[in-house]
């Protein structure tokens, strides 16, 4: 499986388990992502995304999205899109 960097975590809301991702590429509902950092290593499917508290199906480079994560993420963690080969 190939991975392509598509953004970075800028904030994490612990009480609701939501990470904020500053995107450098397109991300869609259903995409498989890998979040990697010094102590973070999560692979998950994107189930929902929000921009300014509004649900979206797709986000593009430059957008900051809120996304539920399966575990804690930290600012600076890198988000990769997992490309099925």
Protein backbone atom coordinates (compact mmCIF):
# COMPACT_ATOMS: atom_id res chain seq x y z
CA UNK A 1 0.00 0.00 0.00
CA UNK A 2 1.26 3.44 -0.93
CA UNK A 3 0.73 6.45 1.30
CA UNK A 4 0.51 10.09 0.25
CA UNK A 5 0.79 12.96 2.73
CA UNK A 6 -2.43 14.99 2.65
CA UNK A 7 -2.25 17.13 5.79
CA UNK A 8 -1.28 17.74 9.41
CA UNK A 9 -3.14 17.70 12.71
CA UNK A 10 -3.36 21.23 14.14
CA UNK A 11 -5.59 20.60 17.18
CA UNK A 12 -7.28 17.81 19.12
CA UNK A 13 -10.47 18.07 21.17
CA UNK A 14 -10.10 15.30 23.75
CA UNK A 15 -13.62 15.40 25.21
CA UNK A 16 -15.24 14.71 21.83
CA UNK A 17 -12.38 12.80 20.16
CA UNK A 18 -12.07 15.14 17.18
CA UNK A 19 -8.88 16.10 15.39
CA UNK A 20 -8.51 19.21 13.23
CA UNK A 21 -6.65 18.52 9.97
CA UNK A 22 -5.15 21.26 7.79
CA UNK A 23 -5.35 19.65 4.35
CA UNK A 24 -2.78 19.89 1.55
CA UNK A 25 -4.78 17.60 -0.77
CA UNK A 26 -8.32 16.29 -1.36
CA UNK A 27 -9.99 14.03 1.25
CA UNK A 28 -13.37 12.31 0.88
CA UNK A 29 -15.72 10.31 3.08
CA UNK A 30 -14.73 6.64 2.81
CA UNK A 31 -11.01 7.34 2.25
CA UNK A 32 -8.60 5.26 4.34
CA UNK A 33 -6.07 7.37 6.23
CA UNK A 34 -3.00 6.79 8.38
CA UNK A 35 -2.13 9.32 11.10
CA UNK A 36 1.51 9.12 12.20
CA UNK A 37 3.45 11.04 14.81
CA UNK A 38 6.03 10.57 17.54
CA UNK A 39 3.58 8.57 19.68
CA UNK A 40 0.62 8.31 17.27
CA UNK A 41 0.04 5.49 14.77
CA UNK A 42 -3.62 5.14 13.70
CA UNK A 43 -5.17 3.75 10.52
CA UNK A 44 -8.88 4.41 10.02
CA UNK A 45 -11.57 5.13 7.44
CA UNK A 46 -13.00 8.66 7.25
CA UNK A 47 -16.64 8.30 8.41
CA UNK A 48 -17.51 11.99 8.72
CA UNK A 49 -15.92 15.41 8.27
CA UNK A 50 -17.01 18.92 9.13
CA UNK A 51 -15.95 22.37 8.01
CA UNK A 52 -17.13 25.12 10.38
CA UNK A 53 -19.50 22.61 12.05
CA UNK A 54 -21.17 21.78 8.71
CA UNK A 55 -20.96 18.17 7.45
CA UNK A 56 -19.14 17.76 4.13
CA UNK A 57 -18.56 14.79 1.81
CA UNK A 58 -15.29 16.12 0.39
CA UNK A 59 -12.66 18.69 1.41
CA UNK A 60 -9.84 20.20 -0.64
CA UNK A 61 -6.34 21.55 -0.10
CA UNK A 62 -6.38 24.57 2.22
CA UNK A 63 -9.47 23.42 4.13
CA UNK A 64 -9.32 22.81 7.88
CA UNK A 65 -11.62 19.90 8.73
CA UNK A 66 -12.83 18.41 11.97
CA UNK A 67 -12.81 14.60 11.99
CA UNK A 68 -13.57 11.94 14.59
CA UNK A 69 -10.47 9.86 15.35
CA UNK A 70 -10.32 6.36 16.79
CA UNK A 71 -7.63 7.41 19.28
CA UNK A 72 -5.91 10.56 20.52
CA UNK A 73 -3.93 12.53 17.94
CA UNK A 74 -1.52 15.37 18.56
CA UNK A 75 -0.68 18.67 16.82
CA UNK A 76 2.06 18.05 14.26
CA UNK A 77 0.98 14.47 13.50
CA UNK A 78 1.05 13.84 9.75
CA UNK A 79 -2.04 12.55 7.92
CA UNK A 80 -1.54 10.22 4.96
CA UNK A 81 -4.11 8.89 2.49
CA UNK A 82 -3.64 5.13 2.05
CA UNK A 83 -3.77 4.23 -1.64
CA UNK A 84 -4.93 0.67 -2.33
CA UNK A 85 -2.70 -0.91 -4.97
